Protein backbone atom coordinates (compact mmCIF):
# COMPACT_ATOMS: atom_id res chain seq x y z
CA MET A 1 9.85 -32.21 -1.41
CA LYS A 2 6.28 -31.34 -2.40
CA LYS A 3 5.42 -30.68 1.26
CA LEU A 4 8.43 -28.45 1.69
CA VAL A 5 7.50 -26.36 -1.36
CA LEU A 6 3.88 -26.12 -0.18
CA THR A 7 5.00 -25.02 3.28
CA GLY A 8 7.31 -22.43 1.82
CA CYS A 9 4.54 -21.02 -0.40
CA SER A 10 2.23 -20.84 2.50
CA LEU A 11 4.72 -18.96 4.67
CA MET A 12 5.45 -16.50 1.79
CA PHE A 13 1.71 -15.96 1.35
CA MET A 14 1.26 -15.27 5.04
CA LEU A 15 4.20 -12.83 5.12
CA PHE A 16 2.73 -11.02 2.07
CA LEU A 17 -0.66 -10.62 3.75
CA ALA A 18 0.92 -9.45 7.00
CA ALA A 19 3.19 -6.94 5.20
CA CYS A 20 0.54 -5.47 2.99
CA GLY A 21 -2.24 -5.60 5.59
CA SER A 22 -3.58 -2.49 7.24
CA SER A 23 -2.10 -1.33 10.52
CA ASP A 24 -4.21 -0.56 13.56
CA ASP A 25 -1.59 1.95 14.64
CA THR A 26 -2.22 5.40 13.26
CA ALA A 27 1.09 6.89 12.22
CA GLY A 28 2.13 10.41 13.21
CA THR A 29 2.84 11.74 9.72
CA PRO A 30 1.43 10.86 6.30
CA GLN A 31 4.88 9.59 5.19
CA GLU A 32 5.01 7.25 8.27
CA ALA A 33 1.46 6.10 7.40
CA TYR A 34 2.71 5.29 3.78
CA GLU A 35 5.73 3.51 5.13
CA ASN A 36 3.55 1.37 7.52
CA ASN A 37 0.78 0.63 5.08
CA CYS A 38 2.08 0.91 1.48
CA ALA A 39 5.81 0.84 1.12
CA MET A 40 6.25 -2.91 1.47
CA CYS A 41 4.40 -3.36 -1.84
CA HIS A 42 4.91 0.03 -3.56
CA GLY A 43 8.53 0.75 -2.44
CA GLN A 44 9.97 3.31 -0.10
CA ASP A 45 10.62 5.60 -3.01
CA LEU A 46 7.20 5.00 -4.73
CA SER A 47 8.98 3.01 -7.51
CA GLY A 48 6.96 -0.12 -7.02
CA GLY A 49 8.07 -3.65 -6.38
CA ASN A 50 6.94 -6.72 -4.37
CA GLY A 51 3.71 -6.87 -6.39
CA GLY A 52 2.66 -3.25 -6.10
CA PRO A 53 2.79 -0.83 -9.05
CA PRO A 54 4.80 2.38 -8.95
CA LEU A 55 3.07 5.33 -7.33
CA ASP A 56 5.32 8.04 -8.58
CA ASN A 57 2.93 9.36 -11.22
CA LEU A 58 -0.53 9.13 -9.66
CA GLY A 59 -1.50 12.77 -10.10
CA SER A 60 -2.06 12.21 -13.77
CA THR A 61 -4.27 9.17 -13.16
CA TYR A 62 -6.13 9.54 -9.86
CA THR A 63 -7.72 12.22 -7.69
CA LYS A 64 -7.38 12.30 -3.90
CA GLU A 65 -10.92 10.84 -3.62
CA GLU A 66 -10.10 7.93 -6.00
CA LEU A 67 -6.90 7.16 -4.06
CA VAL A 68 -8.83 7.04 -0.79
CA ASP A 69 -11.37 4.79 -2.35
CA ILE A 70 -8.70 2.39 -3.57
CA MET A 71 -7.02 2.23 -0.15
CA GLU A 72 -10.34 1.61 1.59
CA ASN A 73 -11.99 -0.73 -1.01
CA GLY A 74 -9.12 -2.24 -2.89
CA LYS A 75 -8.52 -2.45 -6.67
CA GLY A 76 -7.01 -5.13 -8.84
CA GLY A 77 -4.58 -7.09 -6.73
CA MET A 78 -4.70 -4.64 -3.82
CA PRO A 79 -6.91 -5.83 -1.03
CA ALA A 80 -9.31 -3.54 0.77
CA GLY A 81 -8.61 -1.91 4.05
CA GLN A 82 -4.99 -0.80 3.55
CA ALA A 83 -5.84 2.54 5.13
CA GLU A 84 -9.10 4.06 6.06
CA GLY A 85 -10.76 7.34 6.85
CA GLU A 86 -8.52 10.20 7.89
CA GLU A 87 -5.37 8.11 7.51
CA ALA A 88 -6.21 7.17 3.92
CA GLU A 89 -6.88 10.91 3.17
CA LYS A 90 -3.51 11.94 4.65
CA ILE A 91 -1.68 9.29 2.61
CA ALA A 92 -3.49 10.30 -0.58
CA GLU A 93 -2.62 13.93 -0.07
CA TRP A 94 1.00 13.04 0.63
CA LEU A 95 1.15 10.86 -2.43
CA LEU A 96 -0.11 13.61 -4.67
CA GLU A 97 2.29 16.10 -3.12
CA GLN A 98 5.18 13.83 -4.11
CA GLN A 99 4.22 14.21 -7.76
CA LYS A 100 5.04 17.88 -7.54
CA GLN A 101 8.58 17.36 -6.34
């Protein structure tokens, strides 16, 4: 039983890392990039879930540059490298635009 639990936990951890890891594919739109890199942990509707906090009120907390830094370098439980460079900038801009809607 102990072995089964350990195996299950290991598989869940590997799935978590794979789901929240960065993608080598560059998405066509910022929303697609968000869906590929962020939505698994932060929710399709930015409401959070699966270990990631909600992203529906970022504009009052972070600037675009700070969001890019978090995606590239990680923060708290979020690992580094979720998105980088131009892709991170596009996602950050898109996230901040969502605050206005």
